[in-house]
Protein backbone atom coordinates (compact mmCIF):
# COMPACT_ATOMS: atom_id res chain seq x y z
CA MET A 1 -48.93 272.67 -163.01
CA ARG A 2 -45.27 272.03 -163.50
CA ARG A 3 -43.40 269.17 -161.94
CA LEU A 4 -41.80 270.49 -158.75
CA ILE A 5 -38.84 269.81 -156.50
CA SER A 6 -38.92 270.92 -152.88
CA GLY A 7 -36.10 272.79 -151.21
CA THR A 8 -33.30 274.72 -152.93
CA VAL A 9 -33.38 274.07 -156.65
CA SER A 10 -30.25 274.09 -158.77
CA PRO A 11 -30.33 274.68 -162.54
CA ALA A 12 -29.61 270.99 -163.05
CA ASP A 13 -32.46 269.96 -160.74
CA PHE A 14 -34.90 272.32 -162.41
CA ALA A 15 -33.86 271.20 -165.89
CA ALA A 16 -34.33 267.57 -164.86
CA ALA A 17 -37.77 268.36 -163.45
CA GLN A 18 -38.80 269.97 -166.75
CA TRP A 19 -37.19 267.30 -168.95
CA THR A 20 -40.24 265.27 -169.95
CA ARG A 21 -42.39 268.38 -170.23
CA ALA A 22 -39.93 269.98 -172.64
CA THR A 23 -39.36 266.90 -174.74
CA GLY A 24 -43.09 266.15 -174.67
CA ALA A 25 -43.61 269.64 -176.10
CA GLY A 26 -41.42 268.62 -179.01
CA VAL A 27 -38.00 270.22 -178.48
CA ASP A 28 -34.95 268.21 -179.44
CA PRO A 29 -33.67 266.42 -176.31
CA HIS A 30 -30.02 266.90 -177.26
CA GLU A 31 -30.48 270.62 -177.78
CA TYR A 32 -32.34 270.83 -174.46
CA ARG A 33 -29.41 269.18 -172.69
CA ARG A 34 -26.89 271.46 -174.35
CA VAL A 35 -28.83 274.56 -173.33
CA THR A 36 -29.60 273.52 -169.76
CA GLU A 37 -26.16 272.05 -169.00
CA ALA A 38 -24.65 275.48 -169.74
CA LEU A 39 -26.81 277.21 -167.11
CA THR A 40 -24.96 278.47 -164.05
CA SER A 41 -28.02 280.04 -162.39
CA LEU A 42 -31.78 279.68 -162.63
CA ALA A 43 -31.82 283.39 -163.47
CA ASP A 44 -30.27 282.38 -166.81
CA TRP A 45 -33.14 280.04 -167.73
CA GLY A 46 -35.34 282.60 -169.49
CA PRO A 47 -32.55 284.40 -171.38
CA ALA A 48 -30.96 281.10 -172.50
CA PHE A 49 -34.24 279.72 -173.80
CA VAL A 50 -35.10 282.99 -175.54
CA HIS A 51 -31.64 282.99 -177.14
CA THR A 52 -32.23 279.44 -178.40
CA GLY A 53 -35.59 280.46 -179.83
CA GLN A 54 -33.94 283.40 -181.58
CA ALA A 55 -31.36 281.04 -183.09
CA HIS A 56 -34.22 279.10 -184.66
CA LEU A 57 -35.69 282.35 -185.99
CA GLU A 58 -32.34 283.01 -187.67
CA ARG A 59 -32.40 279.54 -189.19
CA ALA A 60 -35.87 280.26 -190.51
CA GLU A 61 -34.62 283.43 -192.23
CA LYS A 62 -31.83 281.46 -193.94
CA ALA A 63 -33.96 278.44 -194.87
CA ARG A 64 -34.23 277.57 -198.56
CA SER A 65 -37.83 276.38 -198.41
CA ALA A 66 -41.06 277.40 -196.73
CA VAL A 67 -41.26 273.95 -195.15
CA SER A 68 -37.88 274.31 -193.49
CA ALA A 69 -38.57 277.89 -192.42
CA GLY A 70 -41.94 276.92 -190.99
CA GLY A 71 -40.42 274.06 -189.04
CA HIS A 72 -37.79 276.34 -187.50
CA LEU A 73 -40.49 278.86 -186.57
CA LEU A 74 -42.59 276.23 -184.77
CA THR A 75 -39.47 275.07 -182.92
CA ALA A 76 -38.75 278.67 -181.95
CA ALA A 77 -42.29 278.97 -180.60
CA ARG A 78 -41.69 275.97 -178.36
CA TRP A 79 -38.44 277.41 -176.98
CA PHE A 80 -39.97 280.82 -176.34
CA HIS A 81 -42.83 279.17 -174.46
CA LEU A 82 -40.46 277.10 -172.34
CA ALA A 83 -38.63 280.32 -171.46
CA THR A 84 -41.77 281.39 -169.59
CA LEU A 85 -41.33 278.51 -167.11
CA ALA A 86 -38.42 280.25 -165.40
CA PRO A 87 -39.05 280.45 -161.63
CA ASP A 88 -40.23 283.95 -160.71
CA GLY A 89 -39.71 284.95 -164.32
CA GLU A 90 -41.70 287.48 -166.32
CA ALA A 91 -43.69 285.45 -168.85
CA GLY A 92 -45.03 288.30 -170.98
CA PRO A 93 -42.23 289.08 -173.49
CA ALA A 94 -41.32 285.46 -174.18
CA ALA A 95 -45.00 284.53 -174.52
CA VAL A 96 -45.42 287.25 -177.14
CA GLU A 97 -42.39 285.90 -179.02
CA ALA A 98 -43.87 282.39 -178.88
CA ASP A 99 -47.18 283.66 -180.22
CA HIS A 100 -45.53 285.53 -183.10
CA ALA A 101 -43.34 282.58 -184.08
CA LEU A 102 -46.29 280.19 -184.06
CA GLY A 103 -48.33 282.51 -186.27
CA ARG A 104 -45.49 282.96 -188.75
CA GLY A 105 -44.82 279.22 -188.87
CA LEU A 106 -48.44 278.29 -189.51
CA ALA A 107 -48.71 280.97 -192.20
CA LEU A 108 -45.92 279.23 -194.10
CA LEU A 109 -46.98 275.65 -193.49
CA GLU A 110 -50.79 275.74 -193.54
CA SER A 111 -52.53 278.19 -195.82
CA GLY A 112 -55.89 277.40 -194.24
CA ALA A 113 -54.85 278.10 -190.65
CA ARG A 114 -56.57 281.16 -189.26
CA ARG A 115 -56.37 283.24 -186.14
CA VAL A 116 -59.56 283.36 -184.10
CA SER A 117 -59.83 285.74 -181.14
CA GLY A 118 -62.56 287.01 -178.88
CA GLU A 119 -63.24 288.15 -175.35
CA GLY A 120 -60.84 286.22 -173.12
CA PHE A 121 -59.30 283.94 -175.75
CA THR A 122 -57.09 283.75 -178.82
CA GLY A 123 -55.70 280.89 -180.83
CA TRP A 124 -55.28 279.15 -184.16
CA LEU A 125 -57.86 277.07 -185.99
CA ARG A 126 -56.25 274.41 -188.15
CA GLY A 127 -57.49 271.54 -190.26
CA PRO A 128 -60.29 270.96 -192.76
CA ALA A 129 -62.99 273.58 -193.09
CA GLY A 130 -66.34 271.95 -192.50
CA GLY A 131 -64.63 268.77 -191.36
CA PRO A 132 -66.25 265.98 -189.35
CA GLY A 133 -65.35 267.43 -185.97
CA THR A 134 -63.52 270.21 -184.13
CA VAL A 135 -61.43 269.79 -180.98
CA VAL A 136 -60.47 272.68 -178.71
CA VAL A 137 -57.15 272.23 -176.85
CA VAL A 138 -57.19 273.92 -173.43
CA PRO A 139 -53.88 274.69 -171.64
CA GLY A 140 -53.30 274.86 -167.90
CA LEU A 141 -51.74 276.94 -165.14
CA ASP A 142 -48.53 277.95 -166.92
CA SER A 143 -48.88 276.18 -170.26
CA ALA A 144 -49.98 277.67 -173.57
CA LYS A 145 -51.07 276.77 -177.08
CA GLU A 146 -47.43 276.45 -178.22
CA GLU A 147 -46.79 273.56 -175.81
CA PHE A 148 -49.17 271.03 -177.36
CA LEU A 149 -48.37 271.13 -181.07
CA ASP A 150 -47.77 267.37 -181.18
CA LEU A 151 -51.21 266.72 -179.69
CA ALA A 152 -52.70 268.97 -182.35
CA SER A 153 -50.80 267.05 -185.02
CA ALA A 154 -52.24 263.74 -183.79
CA LEU A 155 -55.78 265.13 -184.04
CA LEU A 156 -55.17 266.74 -187.42
CA ALA A 157 -53.83 263.44 -188.77
CA ARG A 158 -57.22 261.89 -187.98
CA GLY A 159 -59.07 264.46 -190.08
CA LEU A 160 -60.28 266.69 -187.25
CA ALA A 161 -60.06 270.47 -187.08
CA VAL A 162 -58.15 271.77 -184.05
CA PHE A 163 -58.40 275.07 -182.22
CA ALA A 164 -55.38 275.50 -179.92
CA MET A 165 -56.11 278.40 -177.60
CA ASP A 166 -54.87 280.64 -174.85
CA GLY A 167 -57.57 281.66 -172.38
CA PRO A 168 -57.60 284.19 -169.54
CA GLY A 169 -54.26 284.22 -167.71
CA GLN A 170 -52.67 281.84 -170.20
CA GLY A 171 -49.95 282.18 -172.84
CA VAL A 172 -49.95 285.46 -174.70
CA LEU A 173 -52.91 286.66 -172.60
CA ALA A 174 -51.15 286.10 -169.25
CA ALA A 175 -49.75 289.62 -169.13
CA THR A 176 -53.13 291.31 -169.54
CA THR A 177 -55.70 288.92 -168.02
CA THR A 178 -56.04 286.55 -165.08
CA LEU A 179 -57.13 282.95 -164.67
CA ARG A 180 -60.82 282.39 -164.02
CA PRO A 181 -62.55 279.23 -162.82
CA ASP A 182 -65.74 279.75 -164.86
CA TYR A 183 -63.96 278.69 -168.04
CA GLU A 184 -67.20 277.37 -169.52
CA GLN A 185 -68.06 280.96 -170.39
CA VAL A 186 -64.85 281.25 -172.40
CA VAL A 187 -65.52 277.91 -174.11
CA GLY A 188 -69.02 279.09 -175.02
CA ARG A 189 -67.59 282.17 -176.72
CA VAL A 190 -65.04 280.01 -178.51
CA VAL A 191 -67.77 277.74 -179.91
CA ASP A 192 -69.71 280.80 -181.08
CA ALA A 193 -66.63 282.23 -182.79
CA LEU A 194 -65.77 278.95 -184.51
CA GLY A 195 -69.28 278.72 -185.91
CA VAL A 196 -69.78 275.05 -185.06
CA THR A 197 -72.63 273.32 -183.27
CA ARG A 198 -70.58 270.85 -181.20
CA ILE A 199 -66.96 270.40 -180.16
CA GLY A 200 -64.56 268.05 -178.46
CA LEU A 201 -62.43 269.35 -175.60
CA VAL A 202 -59.06 268.19 -174.37
CA GLY A 203 -57.63 269.86 -171.28
CA LEU A 204 -54.10 269.46 -169.99
CA SER A 205 -53.02 269.86 -166.35
CA LEU A 206 -55.21 272.61 -164.86
CA GLY A 207 -56.80 272.73 -168.29
CA GLY A 208 -58.29 269.33 -167.42
CA PHE A 209 -60.37 271.04 -164.74
CA PHE A 210 -61.38 273.74 -167.21
CA ALA A 211 -62.38 271.16 -169.82
CA ALA A 212 -64.35 268.98 -167.40
CA ARG A 213 -66.14 272.00 -165.95
CA ALA A 214 -67.02 273.25 -169.42
CA ALA A 215 -68.27 269.78 -170.40
CA ALA A 216 -70.62 269.83 -167.42
CA LEU A 217 -72.00 273.31 -168.11
CA GLU A 218 -71.73 273.88 -171.88
CA PRO A 219 -74.15 271.58 -173.76
CA ARG A 220 -72.29 271.87 -177.07
CA VAL A 221 -69.35 269.84 -175.71
CA ALA A 222 -69.85 266.40 -177.30
CA ALA A 223 -66.56 264.73 -176.30
CA VAL A 224 -63.97 265.46 -173.64
CA ALA A 225 -60.59 264.23 -172.44
CA THR A 226 -58.36 265.36 -169.60
CA VAL A 227 -54.63 264.77 -169.12
CA SER A 228 -53.15 265.16 -165.62
CA GLY A 229 -56.12 267.29 -164.64
CA PRO A 230 -56.98 267.96 -160.98
CA PHE A 231 -60.26 266.76 -159.51
CA ARG A 232 -59.78 269.00 -156.48
CA LEU A 233 -57.15 271.39 -155.09
CA ASP A 234 -56.28 271.99 -151.43
CA TRP A 235 -54.59 275.37 -151.11
CA GLU A 236 -53.02 274.65 -147.74
CA HIS A 237 -51.18 271.61 -149.07
CA LEU A 238 -50.14 272.89 -152.50
CA PRO A 239 -46.37 273.30 -152.87
CA ALA A 240 -45.18 276.88 -152.49
CA PRO A 241 -44.05 277.17 -156.14
CA VAL A 242 -47.54 276.21 -157.36
CA ARG A 243 -49.14 278.75 -155.04
CA ASP A 244 -46.70 281.41 -156.28
CA ILE A 245 -47.52 280.72 -159.93
CA MET A 246 -51.23 280.69 -159.18
CA ALA A 247 -50.96 284.00 -157.34
CA ARG A 248 -49.21 285.58 -160.31
CA ARG A 249 -51.75 284.20 -162.77
CA THR A 250 -54.84 285.14 -160.71
CA GLY A 251 -53.79 288.57 -159.46
CA GLY A 252 -52.66 287.94 -155.88
CA THR A 253 -52.60 285.46 -153.03
CA GLY A 254 -56.19 286.07 -151.96
CA ALA A 255 -57.46 285.57 -155.49
CA ALA A 256 -55.34 282.44 -155.85
CA ARG A 257 -56.69 280.96 -152.64
CA GLU A 258 -60.26 281.59 -153.81
CA PHE A 259 -59.46 280.16 -157.24
CA ALA A 260 -58.07 276.96 -155.69
CA ARG A 261 -61.17 276.64 -153.50
CA ARG A 262 -63.33 276.58 -156.62
CA VAL A 263 -61.30 273.83 -158.28
CA ASP A 264 -63.57 271.00 -157.18
CA LEU A 265 -65.33 268.78 -159.71
CA ALA A 266 -67.33 266.75 -157.18
CA PRO A 267 -70.61 268.63 -157.79
CA LEU A 268 -70.08 268.86 -161.55
CA ALA A 269 -68.83 265.41 -162.56
CA PRO A 270 -72.31 263.80 -162.54
CA ARG A 271 -73.46 266.48 -165.00
CA ILE A 272 -70.92 265.59 -167.72
CA ALA A 273 -73.08 263.93 -170.36
CA ALA A 274 -70.39 263.60 -173.03
CA PRO A 275 -68.08 260.57 -173.24
CA LEU A 276 -65.10 261.41 -171.05
CA LEU A 277 -61.57 259.98 -171.04
CA VAL A 278 -59.43 260.78 -168.00
CA VAL A 279 -55.67 260.19 -168.36
CA ASP A 280 -53.36 260.19 -165.34
CA GLY A 281 -49.73 259.29 -164.73
CA GLY A 282 -49.04 256.98 -161.81
CA ARG A 283 -45.93 259.00 -160.91
CA ASP A 284 -47.81 262.32 -160.97
CA VAL A 285 -48.03 263.05 -157.25
CA ILE A 286 -48.30 266.73 -156.31
CA PRO A 287 -49.28 267.59 -152.73
CA GLY A 288 -52.65 269.24 -152.51
CA VAL A 289 -53.83 267.85 -155.85
CA THR A 290 -56.43 265.10 -156.15
CA ASN A 291 -55.92 263.37 -159.49
CA GLY A 292 -58.64 262.40 -161.94
CA GLU A 293 -59.81 258.95 -160.86
CA PRO A 294 -62.87 260.30 -158.96
CA LEU A 295 -63.82 262.30 -162.05
CA ALA A 296 -63.82 259.22 -164.26
CA ARG A 297 -65.69 257.22 -161.63
CA THR A 298 -68.49 259.73 -161.02
CA ALA A 299 -69.01 261.03 -164.59
CA PRO A 300 -71.83 259.03 -166.23
CA ARG A 301 -69.73 258.08 -169.29
CA GLY A 302 -66.26 258.36 -167.83
CA THR A 303 -63.35 256.00 -168.49
CA TYR A 304 -59.99 256.05 -166.76
CA LEU A 305 -56.54 255.43 -168.18
CA SER A 306 -53.73 255.39 -165.63
CA VAL A 307 -50.21 254.90 -166.94
CA PRO A 308 -48.12 253.64 -164.00
CA HIS A 309 -44.81 255.11 -165.18
CA GLY A 310 -46.31 258.37 -166.44
CA ASP A 311 -45.42 261.67 -164.79
CA HIS A 312 -47.23 265.01 -164.94
CA LEU A 313 -48.51 265.52 -168.52
CA LEU A 314 -47.05 262.07 -169.30
CA GLY A 315 -44.34 263.43 -171.56
CA ASN A 316 -42.38 260.30 -170.66
CA ALA A 317 -45.16 257.95 -171.80
CA ARG A 318 -46.70 259.43 -174.93
CA PRO A 319 -47.27 256.13 -176.82
CA ASP A 320 -49.29 254.86 -173.85
CA TRP A 321 -51.98 257.53 -174.06
CA LEU A 322 -51.75 259.98 -176.98
CA PRO A 323 -53.00 257.66 -179.77
CA HIS A 324 -55.76 256.37 -177.48
CA LEU A 325 -56.88 259.91 -176.60
CA ALA A 326 -56.86 261.03 -180.23
CA ASP A 327 -58.89 257.96 -181.23
CA HIS A 328 -61.35 258.55 -178.37
CA LEU A 329 -62.09 262.09 -179.54
CA THR A 330 -62.24 261.09 -183.20
CA HIS A 331 -64.60 258.17 -182.66
CA THR A 332 -66.85 260.13 -180.30
CA LEU A 333 -67.15 263.13 -182.62
CA THR A 334 -67.41 261.27 -185.94
CA GLY A 335 -68.43 257.71 -185.16
CA VAL A 336 -65.43 256.54 -187.17
CA THR A 337 -62.53 254.53 -185.77
CA ALA A 338 -59.50 256.39 -187.13
């Protein structure tokens, strides 16, 4: 769920609200400011971000090394993804561009990276084949696999394999599928496709609910972490922009209302057997959203990390949680302190 501002939103207000999310995703802050300061209308958000992504594609074509070209392609993927955050925008074309740029970038930079797809999911598996552990990165309401490349890098640096995915209603699949609360079924198919016996899960924003639910119901989840994940949603109190996004991603207002009703971890938290780390930002306050403290308190092996100055997804506080989360998953999966 994106950070929101109530009332009439100007381009400057919207850009400020997305600032830490964008920079947390890895785009250059100076380039972000140049692009957003030139906006005269929120209707220009998507086209401006797509144009910036295309400029990075052009840099990739002119690059004199595969490393440089691959870096430009991953940057393009980030910009194309951020284009999908435009209010009332059509996410499909930009999400496809993000997906293509990510695939091209990984093909240049990591010969072992491979696409893995199945019913209701697609993504990229990176890292050592037959390594000591595999972590699946689960996006949220309007996020996608291209948004969390830095998180993947932190896990890869610790020797883990990483599968960054889009599930139903997410990323490149948003145009053809809808969000579903029973995400454990998707995770089960992912584990089958990866050919491993156990995984770690990290879920971000609404993905935190998906990851916690899967950890409760899929016995092959051996470690789990959530970042800004909801413990419970109250449809009547959710801000209108969140309800609008949820309606688009679930197939209508009625479906969205039912989806929100099912986002409740109270009956499932006691069933999470795996070690669980719950990360929240103290400044992450969205009406209608109960943050993760009750999840950490009621899960048998839950721990809670609250960063007082952190906002939603804690893009403004990465040193306070990202290394700790990566170490938590590494130690739990491998028994080694990275």
